[in-house]
Amino acid sequence: MSMNKAESITKNFGLFGVIFGSLLVGISAIPLSSKAIPVPNVNACLSLSPEALVNQGRANIAKENCTVIAQATPPLPEELQPPSATVVLVNGTVNVTLVNQTYTDITYQVVGDTEPRTLSGRNDVTLRTLRAPVTITFQRPDRGLLLVSPEASEAGSLEVTLTETTDLDVDKSAMTIQETGDVFLN
């Protein structure tokens, strides 16, 4: 009988362990399930326009708490890079000679001054008395890449050599001459 008693006690301890083990797991889960999740403060201005806040009857939020942020403008080329060349202007004007060293036509345009024109391969053209600031665009009809190399030859004159390239990092399609004579490529 003592063996049965020992077996009975062992079974009771096993049953006791299972019951209290389950209770411990269950009790530890109760605070987690009842814990409130904090809600962050949300700026109503970020999700709704001031007009929408007024329409919802929350005009005081629109007037007091909403700050209108100005739209960002990209920096000008002269703020990002040094000039590619500098030419001395004569009475605020410059003569630009375009030299096409490719074997294909290049379309160029003096923005706001001329319509698009074509410069044949292996030819050059001189654009006279362009008033600064002035922008000239370049484009190959096959959308090929262009290396644009400006060089001031004398006061009031700029020679721009256009050659083919396969390097995306040096490809340019526009040149701007500022009132200061600084030449920037884009």
N, C-alpha and C. Protein backbone atom coordinates (compact mmCIF):
# COMPACT_ATOMS: atom_id res chain seq x y z
N MET A 1 0.80 -1.17 0.00
CA MET A 1 0.00 0.00 0.00
C MET A 1 0.86 1.26 0.00
N SER A 2 2.01 1.12 0.50
CA SER A 2 2.88 2.27 0.52
C SER A 2 3.32 2.64 -0.88
N MET A 3 3.39 1.64 -1.78
CA MET A 3 3.74 1.91 -3.16
C MET A 3 2.62 2.66 -3.85
N ASN A 4 1.40 2.27 -3.57
CA ASN A 4 0.26 2.97 -4.16
C ASN A 4 0.15 4.40 -3.65
N LYS A 5 0.51 4.56 -2.36
CA LYS A 5 0.48 5.88 -1.80
C LYS A 5 1.53 6.77 -2.47
N ALA A 6 2.70 6.21 -2.72
CA ALA A 6 3.78 6.97 -3.36
C ALA A 6 3.39 7.33 -4.80
N GLU A 7 2.79 6.38 -5.49
CA GLU A 7 2.33 6.65 -6.86
C GLU A 7 1.24 7.71 -6.86
N SER A 8 0.37 7.64 -5.88
CA SER A 8 -0.73 8.59 -5.77
C SER A 8 -0.19 10.00 -5.51
N ILE A 9 0.82 10.08 -4.63
CA ILE A 9 1.40 11.39 -4.32
C ILE A 9 2.11 11.95 -5.55
N THR A 10 2.84 11.09 -6.30
CA THR A 10 3.53 11.53 -7.51
C THR A 10 2.54 12.02 -8.55
N LYS A 11 1.43 11.30 -8.71
CA LYS A 11 0.40 11.73 -9.66
C LYS A 11 -0.20 13.06 -9.24
N ASN A 12 -0.43 13.20 -7.91
CA ASN A 12 -1.02 14.45 -7.40
C ASN A 12 -0.07 15.63 -7.64
N PHE A 13 1.24 15.38 -7.39
CA PHE A 13 2.21 16.46 -7.65
C PHE A 13 2.26 16.81 -9.14
N GLY A 14 2.16 15.82 -10.00
CA GLY A 14 2.16 16.07 -11.45
C GLY A 14 0.94 16.88 -11.85
N LEU A 15 -0.22 16.48 -11.32
CA LEU A 15 -1.46 17.20 -11.60
C LEU A 15 -1.40 18.62 -11.04
N PHE A 16 -0.85 18.73 -9.81
CA PHE A 16 -0.68 20.02 -9.16
C PHE A 16 0.23 20.92 -10.01
N GLY A 17 1.32 20.38 -10.56
CA GLY A 17 2.25 21.14 -11.40
C GLY A 17 1.60 21.62 -12.68
N VAL A 18 0.81 20.76 -13.30
CA VAL A 18 0.13 21.14 -14.54
C VAL A 18 -0.87 22.27 -14.29
N ILE A 19 -1.62 22.16 -13.20
CA ILE A 19 -2.65 23.17 -12.90
C ILE A 19 -1.99 24.52 -12.61
N PHE A 20 -1.01 24.53 -11.69
CA PHE A 20 -0.39 25.80 -11.34
C PHE A 20 0.48 26.36 -12.46
N GLY A 21 1.08 25.51 -13.26
CA GLY A 21 1.85 25.98 -14.42
C GLY A 21 0.94 26.69 -15.41
N SER A 22 -0.23 26.12 -15.64
CA SER A 22 -1.19 26.75 -16.55
C SER A 22 -1.69 28.07 -15.99
N LEU A 23 -1.92 28.11 -14.68
CA LEU A 23 -2.36 29.36 -14.05
C LEU A 23 -1.31 30.45 -14.19
N LEU A 24 -0.04 30.08 -13.98
CA LEU A 24 1.03 31.08 -14.09
C LEU A 24 1.10 31.66 -15.50
N VAL A 25 0.99 30.81 -16.50
CA VAL A 25 1.02 31.29 -17.87
C VAL A 25 -0.20 32.17 -18.15
N GLY A 26 -1.35 31.76 -17.71
CA GLY A 26 -2.58 32.52 -17.94
C GLY A 26 -2.58 33.85 -17.22
N ILE A 27 -2.10 33.86 -15.97
CA ILE A 27 -2.07 35.10 -15.19
C ILE A 27 -1.10 36.11 -15.81
N SER A 28 0.04 35.62 -16.31
CA SER A 28 1.00 36.55 -16.89
C SER A 28 0.49 37.16 -18.20
N ALA A 29 -0.44 36.51 -18.87
CA ALA A 29 -0.98 37.03 -20.13
C ALA A 29 -2.08 38.05 -19.90
N ILE A 30 -2.72 38.05 -18.75
CA ILE A 30 -3.84 38.95 -18.49
C ILE A 30 -3.42 40.42 -18.56
N PRO A 31 -2.33 40.85 -17.92
CA PRO A 31 -1.99 42.27 -18.02
C PRO A 31 -1.64 42.71 -19.45
N LEU A 32 -1.10 41.82 -20.25
CA LEU A 32 -0.75 42.19 -21.62
C LEU A 32 -1.99 42.46 -22.46
N SER A 33 -3.01 41.65 -22.28
CA SER A 33 -4.20 41.82 -23.10
C SER A 33 -5.04 43.02 -22.67
N SER A 34 -4.91 43.44 -21.41
CA SER A 34 -5.73 44.56 -20.95
C SER A 34 -4.96 45.88 -20.97
N LYS A 35 -3.72 45.86 -21.37
CA LYS A 35 -2.92 47.07 -21.39
C LYS A 35 -3.36 47.97 -22.55
N ALA A 36 -3.58 49.24 -22.27
CA ALA A 36 -3.99 50.19 -23.31
C ALA A 36 -2.79 50.57 -24.16
N ILE A 37 -3.01 50.66 -25.46
CA ILE A 37 -1.96 51.07 -26.38
C ILE A 37 -2.03 52.58 -26.53
N PRO A 38 -0.91 53.28 -26.27
CA PRO A 38 -0.96 54.74 -26.38
C PRO A 38 -1.12 55.19 -27.83
N VAL A 39 -1.91 56.24 -28.02
CA VAL A 39 -2.13 56.81 -29.35
C VAL A 39 -1.31 58.09 -29.43
N PRO A 40 -0.39 58.18 -30.41
CA PRO A 40 0.43 59.39 -30.50
C PRO A 40 -0.42 60.60 -30.91
N ASN A 41 0.02 61.77 -30.48
CA ASN A 41 -0.65 63.00 -30.91
C ASN A 41 -0.36 63.22 -32.38
N VAL A 42 -1.39 63.40 -33.16
CA VAL A 42 -1.24 63.57 -34.60
C VAL A 42 -1.54 65.02 -34.95
N ASN A 43 -0.68 65.59 -35.74
CA ASN A 43 -0.89 66.96 -36.20
C ASN A 43 -1.97 66.92 -37.28
N ALA A 44 -3.11 67.50 -37.00
CA ALA A 44 -4.22 67.48 -37.95
C ALA A 44 -3.87 68.19 -39.25
N CYS A 45 -2.92 69.09 -39.19
CA CYS A 45 -2.55 69.85 -40.38
C CYS A 45 -1.83 68.99 -41.40
N LEU A 46 -1.19 67.93 -40.95
CA LEU A 46 -0.45 67.09 -41.88
C LEU A 46 -1.36 66.24 -42.74
N SER A 47 -2.53 65.90 -42.21
CA SER A 47 -3.40 65.01 -42.97
C SER A 47 -4.55 65.73 -43.66
N LEU A 48 -4.86 66.93 -43.22
CA LEU A 48 -5.98 67.66 -43.81
C LEU A 48 -5.57 69.07 -44.17
N SER A 49 -6.13 69.56 -45.23
CA SER A 49 -5.87 70.95 -45.59
C SER A 49 -6.64 71.86 -44.64
N PRO A 50 -6.22 73.11 -44.48
CA PRO A 50 -6.96 74.03 -43.62
C PRO A 50 -8.43 74.15 -44.02
N GLU A 51 -8.72 74.07 -45.32
CA GLU A 51 -10.11 74.14 -45.77
C GLU A 51 -10.90 72.94 -45.26
N ALA A 52 -10.28 71.76 -45.27
CA ALA A 52 -10.96 70.56 -44.80
C ALA A 52 -11.22 70.66 -43.30
N LEU A 53 -10.30 71.23 -42.54
CA LEU A 53 -10.51 71.40 -41.11
C LEU A 53 -11.67 72.35 -40.85
N VAL A 54 -11.78 73.42 -41.63
CA VAL A 54 -12.89 74.35 -41.49
C VAL A 54 -14.20 73.64 -41.79
N ASN A 55 -14.23 72.81 -42.83
CA ASN A 55 -15.44 72.08 -43.20
C ASN A 55 -15.85 71.10 -42.11
N GLN A 56 -14.90 70.62 -41.31
CA GLN A 56 -15.21 69.69 -40.22
C GLN A 56 -15.57 70.43 -38.93
N GLY A 57 -15.61 71.75 -38.98
CA GLY A 57 -15.92 72.52 -37.78
C GLY A 57 -14.73 72.69 -36.86
N ARG A 58 -13.55 72.47 -37.37
CA ARG A 58 -12.34 72.59 -36.56
C ARG A 58 -11.50 73.76 -37.07
N ALA A 59 -12.16 74.87 -37.33
CA ALA A 59 -11.49 76.04 -37.91
C ALA A 59 -10.43 76.59 -36.97
N ASN A 60 -10.68 76.47 -35.65
CA ASN A 60 -9.69 76.99 -34.71
C ASN A 60 -8.35 76.26 -34.85
N ILE A 61 -8.38 74.98 -35.17
CA ILE A 61 -7.14 74.23 -35.41
C ILE A 61 -6.48 74.75 -36.67
N ALA A 62 -7.30 74.98 -37.69
CA ALA A 62 -6.75 75.45 -38.97
C ALA A 62 -6.07 76.80 -38.80
N LYS A 63 -6.68 77.68 -37.98
CA LYS A 63 -6.13 79.03 -37.84
C LYS A 63 -4.94 79.08 -36.89
N GLU A 64 -5.03 78.34 -35.78
CA GLU A 64 -4.03 78.48 -34.73
C GLU A 64 -2.82 77.56 -34.90
N ASN A 65 -3.04 76.35 -35.36
CA ASN A 65 -1.98 75.35 -35.29
C ASN A 65 -1.34 74.99 -36.62
N CYS A 66 -1.92 75.39 -37.72
CA CYS A 66 -1.39 74.97 -39.01
C CYS A 66 -0.41 76.01 -39.54
N THR A 67 0.74 75.54 -39.87
CA THR A 67 1.75 76.40 -40.48
C THR A 67 1.87 76.01 -41.94
N VAL A 68 1.78 76.97 -42.81
CA VAL A 68 1.91 76.70 -44.23
C VAL A 68 3.40 76.69 -44.56
N ILE A 69 3.85 75.60 -45.14
CA ILE A 69 5.25 75.45 -45.49
C ILE A 69 5.42 75.82 -46.96
N ALA A 70 6.35 76.70 -47.23
CA ALA A 70 6.60 77.12 -48.61
C ALA A 70 7.14 75.95 -49.42
N GLN A 71 6.76 75.90 -50.66
CA GLN A 71 7.22 74.83 -51.54
C GLN A 71 8.71 75.02 -51.82
N ALA A 72 9.46 73.93 -51.70
CA ALA A 72 10.90 73.99 -51.92
C ALA A 72 11.21 74.25 -53.39
N THR A 73 12.20 75.07 -53.63
CA THR A 73 12.64 75.32 -54.99
C THR A 73 14.04 74.75 -55.15
N PRO A 74 14.30 74.12 -56.28
CA PRO A 74 15.63 73.55 -56.48
C PRO A 74 16.67 74.66 -56.60
N PRO A 75 17.89 74.38 -56.16
CA PRO A 75 18.93 75.40 -56.27
C PRO A 75 19.29 75.67 -57.72
N LEU A 76 19.74 76.88 -57.98
CA LEU A 76 20.18 77.26 -59.33
C LEU A 76 21.51 76.59 -59.63
N PRO A 77 21.83 76.38 -60.91
CA PRO A 77 23.10 75.71 -61.25
C PRO A 77 24.31 76.38 -60.63
N GLU A 78 24.32 77.71 -60.57
CA GLU A 78 25.47 78.40 -60.02
C GLU A 78 25.64 78.17 -58.52
N GLU A 79 24.57 77.70 -57.84
CA GLU A 79 24.67 77.38 -56.43
C GLU A 79 25.24 75.99 -56.21
N LEU A 80 25.23 75.15 -57.23
CA LEU A 80 25.70 73.78 -57.10
C LEU A 80 27.07 73.53 -57.69
N GLN A 81 27.49 74.31 -58.65
CA GLN A 81 28.72 74.02 -59.37
C GLN A 81 29.46 75.30 -59.71
N PRO A 82 30.76 75.19 -59.87
CA PRO A 82 31.51 76.37 -60.33
C PRO A 82 31.25 76.57 -61.82
N PRO A 83 31.50 77.76 -62.34
CA PRO A 83 31.28 77.98 -63.78
C PRO A 83 32.23 77.13 -64.61
N SER A 84 31.76 76.69 -65.77
CA SER A 84 32.59 75.91 -66.70
C SER A 84 33.55 76.81 -67.45
N ALA A 85 33.21 78.08 -67.58
CA ALA A 85 34.06 79.08 -68.23
C ALA A 85 33.56 80.45 -67.80
N THR A 86 34.35 81.46 -68.07
CA THR A 86 33.93 82.84 -67.83
C THR A 86 34.35 83.67 -69.03
N VAL A 87 33.39 84.43 -69.54
CA VAL A 87 33.66 85.28 -70.71
C VAL A 87 33.45 86.73 -70.30
N VAL A 88 34.27 87.62 -70.83
CA VAL A 88 34.10 89.05 -70.57
C VAL A 88 33.05 89.57 -71.56
N LEU A 89 31.94 90.06 -71.01
CA LEU A 89 30.87 90.58 -71.86
C LEU A 89 31.22 91.97 -72.37
N VAL A 90 30.77 92.30 -73.56
CA VAL A 90 30.96 93.63 -74.13
C VAL A 90 29.57 94.27 -74.24
N ASN A 91 29.35 95.31 -73.44
CA ASN A 91 28.05 95.97 -73.38
C ASN A 91 26.93 94.97 -73.07
N GLY A 92 27.22 94.00 -72.22
CA GLY A 92 26.22 93.01 -71.80
C GLY A 92 25.91 91.95 -72.84
N THR A 93 26.70 91.89 -73.93
CA THR A 93 26.43 90.91 -74.99
C THR A 93 27.64 90.01 -75.21
N VAL A 94 27.39 88.91 -75.91
CA VAL A 94 28.44 87.95 -76.21
C VAL A 94 28.16 87.32 -77.58
N ASN A 95 29.22 87.01 -78.31
CA ASN A 95 29.12 86.23 -79.55
C ASN A 95 29.49 84.79 -79.20
N VAL A 96 28.65 83.85 -79.60
CA VAL A 96 28.89 82.44 -79.29
C VAL A 96 29.08 81.69 -80.60
N THR A 97 30.23 81.02 -80.74
CA THR A 97 30.49 80.18 -81.90
C THR A 97 30.31 78.73 -81.49
N LEU A 98 29.35 78.06 -82.13
CA LEU A 98 29.11 76.63 -81.88
C LEU A 98 29.89 75.84 -82.92
N VAL A 99 30.72 74.90 -82.46
CA VAL A 99 31.52 74.07 -83.35
C VAL A 99 31.06 72.63 -83.17
N ASN A 100 30.41 72.08 -84.21
CA ASN A 100 29.91 70.71 -84.17
C ASN A 100 30.99 69.77 -84.69
N GLN A 101 31.62 69.02 -83.78
CA GLN A 101 32.66 68.09 -84.19
C GLN A 101 32.12 66.66 -84.34
N THR A 102 30.81 66.51 -84.31
CA THR A 102 30.22 65.19 -84.51
C THR A 102 29.95 65.00 -86.00
N TYR A 103 29.55 63.80 -86.36
CA TYR A 103 29.19 63.51 -87.76
C TYR A 103 27.67 63.52 -87.95
N THR A 104 26.97 64.08 -86.99
CA THR A 104 25.51 64.13 -87.07
C THR A 104 25.04 65.57 -86.84
N ASP A 105 23.82 65.85 -87.25
CA ASP A 105 23.23 67.17 -87.02
C ASP A 105 23.01 67.38 -85.52
N ILE A 106 23.07 68.63 -85.11
CA ILE A 106 22.72 69.00 -83.74
C ILE A 106 21.70 70.13 -83.83
N THR A 107 20.60 69.97 -83.11
CA THR A 107 19.59 71.01 -83.03
C THR A 107 19.95 71.92 -81.86
N TYR A 108 19.97 73.23 -82.09
CA TYR A 108 20.26 74.19 -81.03
C TYR A 108 19.19 75.27 -81.05
N GLN A 109 19.03 75.93 -79.91
CA GLN A 109 18.05 77.01 -79.80
C GLN A 109 18.53 78.01 -78.76
N VAL A 110 18.44 79.28 -79.09
CA VAL A 110 18.66 80.34 -78.11
C VAL A 110 17.28 80.57 -77.49
N VAL A 111 17.12 80.14 -76.26
CA VAL A 111 15.81 80.15 -75.60
C VAL A 111 15.27 81.58 -75.52
N GLY A 112 14.04 81.76 -76.01
CA GLY A 112 13.39 83.07 -75.99
C GLY A 112 13.86 84.00 -77.10
N ASP A 113 14.74 83.52 -77.97
CA ASP A 113 15.29 84.39 -79.02
C ASP A 113 15.14 83.79 -80.41
N THR A 114 15.37 82.49 -80.55
CA THR A 114 15.27 81.84 -81.87
C THR A 114 14.42 80.58 -81.77
N GLU A 115 13.96 80.15 -82.92
CA GLU A 115 13.32 78.84 -83.02
C GLU A 115 14.45 77.81 -83.08
N PRO A 116 14.13 76.51 -82.89
CA PRO A 116 15.17 75.49 -83.04
C PRO A 116 15.79 75.54 -84.44
N ARG A 117 17.11 75.42 -84.48
CA ARG A 117 17.87 75.44 -85.74
C ARG A 117 18.75 74.20 -85.78
N THR A 118 19.22 73.86 -87.00
CA THR A 118 20.06 72.68 -87.17
C THR A 118 21.47 73.10 -87.57
N LEU A 119 22.45 72.51 -86.88
CA LEU A 119 23.85 72.70 -87.22
C LEU A 119 24.37 71.36 -87.73
N SER A 120 24.74 71.32 -89.00
CA SER A 120 25.20 70.07 -89.62
C SER A 120 26.50 69.59 -88.98
N GLY A 121 26.71 68.28 -89.10
CA GLY A 121 27.94 67.69 -88.58
C GLY A 121 29.18 68.30 -89.22
N ARG A 122 30.23 68.47 -88.41
CA ARG A 122 31.52 69.01 -88.85
C ARG A 122 31.42 70.45 -89.36
N ASN A 123 30.45 71.23 -88.85
CA ASN A 123 30.28 72.64 -89.23
C ASN A 123 30.25 73.51 -87.99
N ASP A 124 30.25 74.83 -88.20
CA ASP A 124 30.14 75.76 -87.08
C ASP A 124 29.23 76.92 -87.47
N VAL A 125 28.77 77.64 -86.45
CA VAL A 125 27.91 78.80 -86.65
C VAL A 125 28.23 79.80 -85.53
N THR A 126 28.13 81.09 -85.84
CA THR A 126 28.35 82.12 -84.82
C THR A 126 27.04 82.85 -84.56
N LEU A 127 26.65 82.88 -83.31
CA LEU A 127 25.45 83.60 -82.86
C LEU A 127 25.94 84.93 -82.30
N ARG A 128 25.52 86.01 -82.93
CA ARG A 128 26.08 87.33 -82.62
C ARG A 128 25.21 88.14 -81.67
N THR A 129 25.88 88.91 -80.84
CA THR A 129 25.30 89.87 -79.89
C THR A 129 24.13 89.30 -79.09
N LEU A 130 24.37 88.18 -78.45
CA LEU A 130 23.37 87.60 -77.55
C LEU A 130 23.45 88.35 -76.23
N ARG A 131 22.30 88.84 -75.77
CA ARG A 131 22.26 89.60 -74.52
C ARG A 131 22.17 88.64 -73.34
N ALA A 132 23.10 88.81 -72.38
CA ALA A 132 23.12 87.99 -71.17
C ALA A 132 22.08 88.52 -70.18
N PRO A 133 21.43 87.66 -69.43
CA PRO A 133 21.62 86.21 -69.39
C PRO A 133 20.96 85.54 -70.58
N VAL A 134 21.59 84.47 -71.06
CA VAL A 134 21.07 83.75 -72.22
C VAL A 134 21.30 82.26 -72.01
N THR A 135 20.34 81.47 -72.50
CA THR A 135 20.45 80.02 -72.43
C THR A 135 20.35 79.45 -73.83
N ILE A 136 21.27 78.54 -74.14
CA ILE A 136 21.28 77.85 -75.44
C ILE A 136 21.14 76.36 -75.16
N THR A 137 20.21 75.71 -75.87
CA THR A 137 20.02 74.27 -75.70
C THR A 137 20.60 73.53 -76.90
N PHE A 138 21.01 72.27 -76.68
CA PHE A 138 21.59 71.43 -77.73
C PHE A 138 20.94 70.06 -77.66
N GLN A 139 20.74 69.45 -78.84
CA GLN A 139 20.16 68.10 -78.85
C GLN A 139 20.51 67.40 -80.16
N ARG A 140 20.93 66.15 -80.03
CA ARG A 140 21.15 65.34 -81.22
C ARG A 140 19.84 64.67 -81.59
N PRO A 141 19.52 64.53 -82.88
CA PRO A 141 18.24 63.91 -83.27
C PRO A 141 18.14 62.44 -82.83
N ASP A 142 19.29 61.79 -82.68
CA ASP A 142 19.27 60.39 -82.24
C ASP A 142 19.32 60.26 -80.72
N ARG A 143 19.20 61.38 -80.02
CA ARG A 143 19.23 61.46 -78.56
C ARG A 143 20.59 61.02 -77.99
N GLY A 144 21.62 61.08 -78.82
CA GLY A 144 22.97 60.73 -78.37
C GLY A 144 23.49 61.74 -77.36
N LEU A 145 24.53 61.36 -76.65
CA LEU A 145 25.10 62.19 -75.60
C LEU A 145 26.09 63.21 -76.19
N LEU A 146 26.13 64.38 -75.56
CA LEU A 146 27.01 65.46 -76.03
C LEU A 146 27.94 65.94 -74.92
N LEU A 147 29.19 66.12 -75.28
CA LEU A 147 30.16 66.78 -74.42
C LEU A 147 30.24 68.22 -74.91
N VAL A 148 29.91 69.16 -74.03
CA VAL A 148 29.88 70.59 -74.38
C VAL A 148 31.08 71.25 -73.70
N SER A 149 31.97 71.85 -74.50
CA SER A 149 33.20 72.45 -73.96
C SER A 149 33.27 73.93 -74.33
N PRO A 150 32.89 74.83 -73.39
CA PRO A 150 32.97 76.26 -73.67
C PRO A 150 34.37 76.80 -73.35
N GLU A 151 34.83 77.73 -74.18
CA GLU A 151 36.13 78.37 -73.94
C GLU A 151 36.07 79.82 -74.40
N ALA A 152 36.42 80.72 -73.49
CA ALA A 152 36.44 82.14 -73.84
C ALA A 152 37.67 82.40 -74.68
N SER A 153 37.46 82.89 -75.91
CA SER A 153 38.59 83.12 -76.81
C SER A 153 39.11 84.56 -76.71
N GLU A 154 38.22 85.51 -76.58
CA GLU A 154 38.58 86.92 -76.42
C GLU A 154 37.39 87.63 -75.80
N ALA A 155 37.54 88.90 -75.44
CA ALA A 155 36.45 89.65 -74.82
C ALA A 155 35.24 89.64 -75.74
N GLY A 156 34.10 89.26 -75.18
CA GLY A 156 32.86 89.25 -75.94
C GLY A 156 32.66 88.04 -76.82
N SER A 157 33.57 87.04 -76.76
CA SER A 157 33.44 85.85 -77.62
C SER A 157 33.62 84.57 -76.81
N LEU A 158 32.78 83.60 -77.14
CA LEU A 158 32.84 82.29 -76.49
C LEU A 158 32.75 81.23 -77.58
N GLU A 159 33.70 80.30 -77.59
CA GLU A 159 33.66 79.19 -78.54
C GLU A 159 33.22 77.95 -77.79
N VAL A 160 32.20 77.27 -78.32
CA VAL A 160 31.63 76.09 -77.67
C VAL A 160 31.79 74.91 -78.62
N THR A 161 32.59 73.93 -78.20
CA THR A 161 32.83 72.74 -79.00
C THR A 161 31.88 71.64 -78.55
N LEU A 162 31.19 71.03 -79.52
CA LEU A 162 30.24 69.95 -79.25
C LEU A 162 30.80 68.66 -79.83
N THR A 163 31.04 67.67 -78.96
CA THR A 163 31.56 66.38 -79.40
C THR A 163 30.70 65.26 -78.84
N GLU A 164 30.77 64.11 -79.48
CA GLU A 164 30.04 62.93 -79.01
C GLU A 164 30.71 62.39 -77.75
N THR A 165 29.92 61.76 -76.90
CA THR A 165 30.46 61.09 -75.72
C THR A 165 29.58 59.89 -75.40
N THR A 166 30.14 58.97 -74.65
CA THR A 166 29.36 57.83 -74.14
C THR A 166 29.26 57.90 -72.62
N ASP A 167 29.80 58.96 -72.05
CA ASP A 167 29.83 59.13 -70.60
C ASP A 167 28.62 59.95 -70.14
N LEU A 168 27.70 59.31 -69.43
CA LEU A 168 26.50 60.00 -68.95
C LEU A 168 26.83 61.14 -68.00
N ASP A 169 27.95 61.02 -67.29
CA ASP A 169 28.31 62.05 -66.31
C ASP A 169 28.69 63.38 -66.94
N VAL A 170 29.12 63.37 -68.19
CA VAL A 170 29.54 64.63 -68.83
C VAL A 170 28.54 65.11 -69.88
N ASP A 171 27.47 64.34 -70.11
CA ASP A 171 26.45 64.72 -71.10
C ASP A 171 25.76 66.01 -70.67
N LYS A 172 25.67 66.97 -71.58
CA LYS A 172 25.02 68.25 -71.31
C LYS A 172 24.09 68.60 -72.45
N SER A 173 23.01 69.32 -72.12
CA SER A 173 22.05 69.70 -73.16
C SER A 173 21.69 71.19 -73.13
N ALA A 174 22.29 71.94 -72.20
CA ALA A 174 22.00 73.38 -72.12
C ALA A 174 23.19 74.13 -71.56
N MET A 175 23.32 75.37 -71.99
CA MET A 175 24.39 76.25 -71.51
C MET A 175 23.77 77.61 -71.19
N THR A 176 24.09 78.14 -70.02
CA THR A 176 23.59 79.45 -69.61
C THR A 176 24.77 80.38 -69.38
N ILE A 177 24.68 81.58 -69.96
CA ILE A 177 25.68 82.62 -69.73
C ILE A 177 25.02 83.69 -68.86
N GLN A 178 25.54 83.90 -67.67
CA GLN A 178 24.98 84.87 -66.72
C GLN A 178 25.42 86.29 -67.07
N GLU A 179 24.81 87.29 -66.41
CA GLU A 179 25.19 88.69 -66.60
C GLU A 179 26.63 88.95 -66.19
N THR A 180 27.16 88.09 -65.33
CA THR A 180 28.54 88.23 -64.86
C THR A 180 29.54 87.65 -65.86
N GLY A 181 29.05 86.92 -66.87
CA GLY A 181 29.93 86.26 -67.83
C GLY A 181 30.22 84.81 -67.46
N ASP A 182 29.75 84.37 -66.29
CA ASP A 182 29.93 82.98 -65.89
C ASP A 182 29.09 82.08 -66.79
N VAL A 183 29.68 80.96 -67.21
CA VAL A 183 29.02 80.01 -68.11
C VAL A 183 28.76 78.73 -67.34
N PHE A 184 27.49 78.30 -67.32
CA PHE A 184 27.10 77.08 -66.62
C PHE A 184 26.50 76.09 -67.60
N LEU A 185 26.83 74.81 -67.41
CA LEU A 185 26.30 73.74 -68.25
C LEU A 185 25.33 72.89 -67.46
N ASN A 186 24.27 72.46 -68.14
CA ASN A 186 23.29 71.54 -67.53
C ASN A 186 23.14 70.36 -68.44
